[in-house]
């Protein structure tokens, strides 16, 4: 009985570990270092085979605009947009919040490749999944 109980805990732990491989990163800060921190963690999660979804809101969504001048961050001397493009290339799903485009006078065509407007119902459904871990910056 003791062995079967231990085996049950082990299986439950493994199932939990497998299901916890989804990361949702919400970035709304206008500060490049906070944005960069979120993107560094998103990229690290992708490298560890996690599924990553990034939602850019408020001033953070500016990094997804084509031709946006942004400062390079040390030590790698890359902008947050370059970091974002790397995350997209590695498989991250990236969206701007549904309020961003209509309230900034921008269009979806103004966004860099790989970034799309979020659909609130889809984002909410994703967040309600028990396997999703959430980080906010």
Protein backbone atom coordinates (compact mmCIF):
# COMPACT_ATOMS: atom_id res chain seq x y z
CA UNK A 1 0.00 0.00 0.00
CA UNK A 2 2.81 2.37 0.91
CA UNK A 3 4.53 1.79 -2.47
CA UNK A 4 1.33 2.36 -4.45
CA UNK A 5 0.69 5.56 -2.50
CA UNK A 6 4.22 6.78 -3.28
CA UNK A 7 3.76 5.82 -6.94
CA UNK A 8 0.53 7.81 -7.03
CA UNK A 9 2.27 10.90 -5.65
CA UNK A 10 5.08 10.46 -8.17
CA UNK A 11 2.66 10.20 -11.11
CA UNK A 12 0.68 13.20 -9.86
CA UNK A 13 3.90 15.18 -9.54
CA UNK A 14 5.00 14.25 -13.05
CA UNK A 15 1.62 15.15 -14.51
CA UNK A 16 1.76 18.50 -12.70
CA UNK A 17 5.26 19.14 -14.01
CA UNK A 18 4.19 18.40 -17.58
CA UNK A 19 1.10 20.59 -17.31
CA UNK A 20 3.02 23.55 -15.84
CA UNK A 21 4.94 24.18 -19.05
CA UNK A 22 2.82 27.11 -20.19
CA UNK A 23 3.94 30.63 -19.42
CA UNK A 24 1.87 33.78 -19.93
CA UNK A 25 3.92 36.97 -19.77
CA UNK A 26 1.98 40.21 -19.44
CA UNK A 27 4.13 43.28 -20.11
CA UNK A 28 2.65 46.75 -19.62
CA UNK A 29 5.57 48.72 -18.22
CA UNK A 30 6.96 51.52 -20.34
CA UNK A 31 10.39 50.94 -18.80
CA UNK A 32 12.77 49.12 -21.13
CA UNK A 33 14.53 47.17 -18.35
CA UNK A 34 11.22 45.79 -17.03
CA UNK A 35 10.19 44.89 -20.58
CA UNK A 36 13.56 43.26 -21.15
CA UNK A 37 13.30 41.25 -17.93
CA UNK A 38 9.97 39.82 -19.05
CA UNK A 39 11.34 38.97 -22.47
CA UNK A 40 14.49 37.37 -21.05
CA UNK A 41 12.36 35.07 -18.88
CA UNK A 42 10.03 34.32 -21.79
CA UNK A 43 13.02 33.37 -23.94
CA UNK A 44 14.51 31.22 -21.19
CA UNK A 45 11.18 29.40 -20.84
CA UNK A 46 11.09 28.81 -24.60
CA UNK A 47 14.60 27.36 -24.45
CA UNK A 48 13.33 25.00 -21.73
CA UNK A 49 10.56 23.83 -24.09
CA UNK A 50 7.70 25.75 -22.48
CA UNK A 51 4.81 27.18 -24.44
CA UNK A 52 4.97 30.98 -24.14
CA UNK A 53 2.32 33.60 -24.78
CA UNK A 54 3.16 37.30 -24.41
CA UNK A 55 0.57 40.06 -24.06
CA UNK A 56 1.82 43.61 -24.58
CA UNK A 57 -0.32 46.34 -23.06
CA UNK A 58 -0.15 50.10 -22.67
CA UNK A 59 3.33 51.61 -23.28
CA UNK A 60 4.94 48.18 -23.62
CA UNK A 61 3.03 47.57 -26.85
CA UNK A 62 5.01 50.39 -28.46
CA UNK A 63 7.93 47.95 -28.81
CA UNK A 64 5.82 46.01 -31.32
CA UNK A 65 5.49 48.97 -33.71
CA UNK A 66 7.45 48.94 -36.95
CA UNK A 67 10.27 51.50 -36.97
CA UNK A 68 9.97 52.28 -33.27
CA UNK A 69 13.23 53.82 -31.93
CA UNK A 70 14.23 51.94 -28.79
CA UNK A 71 17.34 51.97 -26.58
CA UNK A 72 19.74 49.04 -26.65
CA UNK A 73 20.02 47.19 -23.36
CA UNK A 74 23.28 45.95 -21.89
CA UNK A 75 24.99 43.55 -21.79
CA UNK A 76 23.94 42.23 -25.22
CA UNK A 77 23.22 45.66 -26.77
CA UNK A 78 19.80 44.63 -28.12
CA UNK A 79 16.52 46.50 -28.06
CA UNK A 80 13.36 45.10 -26.56
CA UNK A 81 11.96 44.82 -30.09
CA UNK A 82 14.91 42.65 -31.09
CA UNK A 83 14.33 40.54 -27.99
CA UNK A 84 10.64 40.30 -28.89
CA UNK A 85 11.48 39.22 -32.44
CA UNK A 86 13.80 36.55 -31.03
CA UNK A 87 11.02 35.23 -28.80
CA UNK A 88 8.64 35.12 -31.77
CA UNK A 89 11.22 33.28 -33.85
CA UNK A 90 11.64 30.77 -30.99
CA UNK A 91 7.89 30.11 -30.96
CA UNK A 92 6.26 32.63 -28.62
CA UNK A 93 2.76 33.79 -29.41
CA UNK A 94 2.75 37.60 -29.10
CA UNK A 95 -0.27 39.89 -28.99
CA UNK A 96 -1.05 43.51 -28.20
CA UNK A 97 -4.01 44.07 -25.89
CA UNK A 98 -7.33 44.77 -27.53
CA UNK A 99 -7.36 48.37 -26.27
CA UNK A 100 -3.95 49.33 -27.64
CA UNK A 101 -4.61 49.82 -31.36
CA UNK A 102 -7.92 51.71 -31.16
CA UNK A 103 -6.61 54.02 -28.43
CA UNK A 104 -3.32 54.87 -30.15
CA UNK A 105 -4.67 55.40 -33.65
CA UNK A 106 -2.53 52.52 -34.91
CA UNK A 107 -3.55 49.60 -37.10
CA UNK A 108 -2.58 45.92 -37.10
CA UNK A 109 -0.46 46.69 -40.19
CA UNK A 110 1.71 48.95 -37.96
CA UNK A 111 2.84 45.94 -35.91
CA UNK A 112 6.02 43.99 -36.59
CA UNK A 113 5.72 40.54 -38.13
CA UNK A 114 4.48 37.92 -35.70
CA UNK A 115 2.48 40.27 -33.46
CA UNK A 116 -1.30 40.41 -33.68
CA UNK A 117 -4.16 42.07 -31.81
CA UNK A 118 -5.41 40.00 -28.88
CA UNK A 119 -8.91 38.63 -28.65
CA UNK A 120 -10.00 39.08 -25.01
CA UNK A 121 -12.11 35.92 -24.92
CA UNK A 122 -9.15 33.83 -26.15
CA UNK A 123 -6.77 35.43 -23.64
CA UNK A 124 -9.21 34.87 -20.78
CA UNK A 125 -9.74 31.23 -21.75
CA UNK A 126 -5.98 30.71 -21.87
CA UNK A 127 -5.46 32.31 -18.46
CA UNK A 128 -8.12 30.08 -16.91
CA UNK A 129 -6.22 26.92 -17.80
CA UNK A 130 -4.71 25.46 -14.61
CA UNK A 131 -1.43 24.72 -16.39
CA UNK A 132 -0.63 28.38 -17.10
CA UNK A 133 1.87 30.29 -14.96
CA UNK A 134 1.56 34.09 -15.16
CA UNK A 135 4.30 36.71 -14.94
CA UNK A 136 3.63 40.45 -15.11
CA UNK A 137 6.06 43.25 -15.82
